[in-house]
Structure formats: structure tokens, C-alpha cells
C-alpha atoms as a PDB file:
ATOM      1  CA  MET A   1     147.185  93.642   8.129  1.00  0.00           C
ATOM      2  CA  ASN A   2     144.952  92.564  10.984  1.00  0.00           C
ATOM      3  CA  PHE A   3     141.194  92.693  10.573  1.00  0.00           C
ATOM      4  CA  HIS A   4     139.814  93.233  14.074  1.00  0.00           C
ATOM      5  CA  THR A   5     136.320  94.548  13.397  1.00  0.00           C
ATOM      6  CA  ARG A   6     133.346  93.356  11.415  1.00  0.00           C
ATOM      7  CA  LYS A   7     130.239  95.364  10.637  1.00  0.00           C
ATOM      8  CA  TRP A   8     126.892  94.107   9.414  1.00  0.00           C
ATOM      9  CA  VAL A   9     125.438  96.359   6.716  1.00  0.00           C
ATOM     10  CA  LYS A  10     121.946  97.383   7.840  1.00  0.00           C
ATOM     11  CA  PRO A  11     119.255  99.495   6.126  1.00  0.00           C
ATOM     12  CA  GLU A  12     120.367 102.653   7.959  1.00  0.00           C
ATOM     13  CA  ASP A  13     123.889 102.227   6.466  1.00  0.00           C
ATOM     14  CA  LEU A  14     122.679 102.532   2.851  1.00  0.00           C
ATOM     15  CA  ASN A  15     122.616 105.439   0.411  1.00  0.00           C
ATOM     16  CA  ALA A  16     119.934 106.272  -2.164  1.00  0.00           C
ATOM     17  CA  ASN A  17     121.365 103.568  -4.464  1.00  0.00           C
ATOM     18  CA  LYS A  18     120.790 100.930  -1.763  1.00  0.00           C
ATOM     19  CA  THR A  19     124.533 100.363  -1.380  1.00  0.00           C
ATOM     20  CA  LEU A  20     126.790 101.099   1.586  1.00  0.00           C
ATOM     21  CA  PHE A  21     126.995 104.876   2.161  1.00  0.00           C
ATOM     22  CA  GLY A  22     130.596 106.128   1.872  1.00  0.00           C
ATOM     23  CA  GLY A  23     130.211 108.450   4.844  1.00  0.00           C
ATOM     24  CA  LYS A  24     129.155 105.544   7.054  1.00  0.00           C
ATOM     25  CA  VAL A  25     132.148 103.403   6.111  1.00  0.00           C
ATOM     26  CA  LEU A  26     134.485 106.376   6.668  1.00  0.00           C
ATOM     27  CA  ALA A  27     133.030 106.863  10.161  1.00  0.00           C
ATOM     28  CA  TRP A  28     133.745 103.182  10.828  1.00  0.00           C
ATOM     29  CA  VAL A  29     137.334 103.625   9.578  1.00  0.00           C
ATOM     30  CA  ASP A  30     137.898 106.685  11.780  1.00  0.00           C
ATOM     31  CA  GLU A  31     136.538 104.858  14.827  1.00  0.00           C
ATOM     32  CA  GLU A  32     138.660 101.769  14.126  1.00  0.00           C
ATOM     33  CA  ALA A  33     141.801 103.916  13.732  1.00  0.00           C
ATOM     34  CA  ALA A  34     141.060 105.639  17.039  1.00  0.00           C
ATOM     35  CA  LEU A  35     140.458 102.352  18.877  1.00  0.00           C
ATOM     36  CA  TYR A  36     143.628 100.812  17.437  1.00  0.00           C
ATOM     37  CA  THR A  37     145.659 103.869  18.438  1.00  0.00           C
ATOM     38  CA  ILE A  38     144.191 104.011  21.948  1.00  0.00           C
ATOM     39  CA  ILE A  39     145.178 100.392  22.524  1.00  0.00           C
ATOM     40  CA  GLN A  40     148.667 100.778  21.020  1.00  0.00           C
ATOM     41  CA  LEU A  41     149.515 104.012  22.833  1.00  0.00           C
ATOM     42  CA  GLU A  42     147.671 103.134  26.061  1.00  0.00           C
ATOM     43  CA  ASN A  43     145.987 106.539  26.093  1.00  0.00           C
ATOM     44  CA  ASN A  44     142.333 107.290  25.364  1.00  0.00           C
ATOM     45  CA  LYS A  45     143.130 110.887  24.414  1.00  0.00           C
ATOM     46  CA  VAL A  46     143.900 110.639  20.706  1.00  0.00           C
ATOM     47  CA  VAL A  47     142.641 112.565  17.686  1.00  0.00           C
ATOM     48  CA  THR A  48     142.617 112.100  13.940  1.00  0.00           C
ATOM     49  CA  LYS A  49     144.988 114.606  12.351  1.00  0.00           C
ATOM     50  CA  TYR A  50     144.996 113.495   8.725  1.00  0.00           C
ATOM     51  CA  ILE A  51     143.387 111.021   6.364  1.00  0.00           C
ATOM     52  CA  SER A  52     145.009 110.688   2.938  1.00  0.00           C
ATOM     53  CA  GLU A  53     143.340 109.905  -0.341  1.00  0.00           C
ATOM     54  CA  ILE A  54     140.544 107.370  -0.017  1.00  0.00           C
ATOM     55  CA  ASN A  55     140.243 104.864  -2.844  1.00  0.00           C
ATOM     56  CA  PHE A  56     136.692 103.473  -3.168  1.00  0.00           C
ATOM     57  CA  MET A  57     136.906 100.235  -5.157  1.00  0.00           C
ATOM     58  CA  SER A  58     133.606  98.411  -4.642  1.00  0.00           C
ATOM     59  CA  SER A  59     130.604  98.477  -2.338  1.00  0.00           C
ATOM     60  CA  ALA A  60     128.363  96.364  -0.164  1.00  0.00           C
ATOM     61  CA  VAL A  61     124.620  95.866   0.117  1.00  0.00           C
ATOM     62  CA  GLU A  62     122.218  95.252   2.979  1.00  0.00           C
ATOM     63  CA  GLY A  63     123.066  92.021   4.773  1.00  0.00           C
ATOM     64  CA  ASP A  64     126.726  91.958   3.755  1.00  0.00           C
ATOM     65  CA  ILE A  65     129.423  91.782   6.406  1.00  0.00           C
ATOM     66  CA  VAL A  66     132.437  94.061   6.033  1.00  0.00           C
ATOM     67  CA  GLU A  67     135.793  93.793   7.778  1.00  0.00           C
ATOM     68  CA  ILE A  68     138.046  96.692   8.726  1.00  0.00           C
ATOM     69  CA  GLY A  69     141.789  96.132   8.766  1.00  0.00           C
ATOM     70  CA  ILE A  70     144.439  98.417  10.216  1.00  0.00           C
ATOM     71  CA  ALA A  71     148.225  98.250   9.976  1.00  0.00           C
ATOM     72  CA  VAL A  72     150.918 100.510  11.405  1.00  0.00           C
ATOM     73  CA  VAL A  73     152.990 102.372   8.827  1.00  0.00           C
ATOM     74  CA  LYS A  74     155.129 104.461  11.210  1.00  0.00           C
ATOM     75  CA  PHE A  75     155.585 105.504  14.811  1.00  0.00           C
ATOM     76  CA  GLY A  76     156.172 109.253  15.134  1.00  0.00           C
ATOM     77  CA  VAL A  77     157.111 111.166  18.289  1.00  0.00           C
ATOM     78  CA  SER A  78     153.515 111.961  19.239  1.00  0.00           C
ATOM     79  CA  SER A  79     151.715 110.257  16.360  1.00  0.00           C
ATOM     80  CA  LEU A  80     150.960 106.916  14.809  1.00  0.00           C
ATOM     81  CA  THR A  81     150.530 106.550  11.047  1.00  0.00           C
ATOM     82  CA  LEU A  82     148.223 103.752   9.933  1.00  0.00           C
ATOM     83  CA  ASN A  83     146.828 102.369   6.723  1.00  0.00           C
ATOM     84  CA  CYS A  84     143.461 100.749   6.313  1.00  0.00           C
ATOM     85  CA  GLU A  85     141.579  98.342   4.112  1.00  0.00           C
ATOM     86  CA  VAL A  86     137.856  97.682   4.282  1.00  0.00           C
ATOM     87  CA  ARG A  87     136.715  94.528   2.538  1.00  0.00           C
ATOM     88  CA  ASN A  88     133.422  92.796   1.877  1.00  0.00           C
ATOM     89  CA  LYS A  89     133.499  89.456   3.683  1.00  0.00           C
ATOM     90  CA  MET A  90     130.700  88.120   1.465  1.00  0.00           C
ATOM     91  CA  THR A  91     132.162  88.966  -1.975  1.00  0.00           C
ATOM     92  CA  ARG A  92     135.843  89.088  -0.869  1.00  0.00           C
ATOM     93  CA  GLU A  93     136.249  92.402  -2.713  1.00  0.00           C
ATOM     94  CA  THR A  94     138.087  95.396  -1.286  1.00  0.00           C
ATOM     95  CA  ILE A  95     135.613  98.205  -0.609  1.00  0.00           C
ATOM     96  CA  LEU A  96     138.186 100.918   0.068  1.00  0.00           C
ATOM     97  CA  THR A  97     141.782 101.583   1.001  1.00  0.00           C
ATOM     98  CA  VAL A  98     143.395 104.477   2.843  1.00  0.00           C
ATOM     99  CA  ASP A  99     147.182 104.767   2.621  1.00  0.00           C
ATOM    100  CA  ASN A 100     147.758 107.102   5.572  1.00  0.00           C
ATOM    101  CA  ILE A 101     145.764 107.932   8.664  1.00  0.00           C
ATOM    102  CA  ILE A 102     147.697 110.017  11.182  1.00  0.00           C
ATOM    103  CA  MET A 103     146.501 109.761  14.764  1.00  0.00           C
ATOM    104  CA  VAL A 104     147.973 112.076  17.419  1.00  0.00           C
ATOM    105  CA  ASN A 105     148.527 111.253  21.088  1.00  0.00           C
ATOM    106  CA  LEU A 106     147.350 114.033  23.435  1.00  0.00           C
ATOM    107  CA  GLY A 107     148.297 114.985  26.968  1.00  0.00           C
ATOM    108  CA  GLU A 108     145.947 116.172  29.699  1.00  0.00           C
ATOM    109  CA  ASP A 109     146.236 119.712  28.309  1.00  0.00           C
ATOM    110  CA  GLY A 110     144.883 118.586  24.929  1.00  0.00           C
ATOM    111  CA  LYS A 111     148.196 119.211  23.144  1.00  0.00           C
ATOM    112  CA  PRO A 112     150.336 116.620  21.310  1.00  0.00           C
ATOM    113  CA  LYS A 113     152.369 114.547  23.756  1.00  0.00           C
ATOM    114  CA  PRO A 114     155.257 112.155  22.997  1.00  0.00           C
ATOM    115  CA  HIS A 115     154.125 108.564  23.481  1.00  0.00           C
ATOM    116  CA  GLY A 116     157.512 106.815  23.726  1.00  0.00           C
ATOM    117  CA  LYS A 117     156.423 103.821  21.607  1.00  0.00           C
ATOM    118  CA  THR A 118     158.557 102.456  18.788  1.00  0.00           C
ATOM    119  CA  LYS A 119     156.917  99.144  17.858  1.00  0.00           C
ATOM    120  CA  ILE A 120     153.607  97.339  17.852  1.00  0.00           C
ATOM    121  CA  GLU A 121     152.714  95.888  21.228  1.00  0.00           C
ATOM    122  CA  PHE A 122     150.107  93.277  22.004  1.00  0.00           C
ATOM    123  CA  VAL A 123     148.042  93.351  25.195  1.00  0.00           C
ATOM    124  CA  ARG A 124     149.020  89.735  25.954  1.00  0.00           C
ATOM    125  CA  ASP A 125     152.702  90.792  26.023  1.00  0.00           C
ATOM    126  CA  ARG A 126     152.022  93.672  28.400  1.00  0.00           C
ATOM    127  CA  LEU A 127     150.366  91.284  30.843  1.00  0.00           C
ATOM    128  CA  ALA A 128     153.202  88.719  30.807  1.00  0.00           C
END
């Protein structure tokens, strides 16, 4: 799993218990999945179709740095299935895991469109 993004936990990211708000970390996960998919499929028109069970395992507090990791599970015809782990860089504990996030590639008409991809590609390889 590659951890591309880090977030600094700030006061506005906290819940009433002064720990990282679950809704905030889920927004970060959704954004990271979208960015990963946009880069992989070379199309900025993607949507989140499905997020499976979310397993909250630990938390973070103000000042902690969290990392968001994404890995490809499967390439579908018009979709990409990912899994995700968010971990606390300071404590080295996993904050949450998500087994399946399905992102769908859209055409200009806003409907699912086949993407033609079958494997992970890196930008450096596309430029070679």
C-alpha cells in the first residue's frame, strides 16, 4: 500500500472528545480515493459508488500527523475498487481501514464509461 497523503490534525478536525472526528477522516479518505482514481484513470470525472464497512481502530489528537494509504483491489470495466488504511504517523497505530471503495469512471454525459485500464500505471511510465 502506498501512503501518498499526510494530514496534520488541527483544532477544527476534532470532535467533542478532543480526538479526530470520524466524519473528517472519512472526508479525507473519500478525497484521497477520488484523487488516486483520477490519476489512474486519467479522467477527472469520477464518483464514489460504494464504501464498505469502516473499521475504526484508534484515533489521533491535535498535532498528530496521519497518513492515508490507498491500494488497488480490482480493475472493473468502468470502475476501480480500492482499499484504504489511515494511520497515525506519531503513534504508528492504524486509525481505520476500509476494505472496498468503488470509484466509477464517468463520460461527458455523466454515465459510467469503460476506462480500458487493467493495471496500475505510474505517471513516470506514461511520460517515458
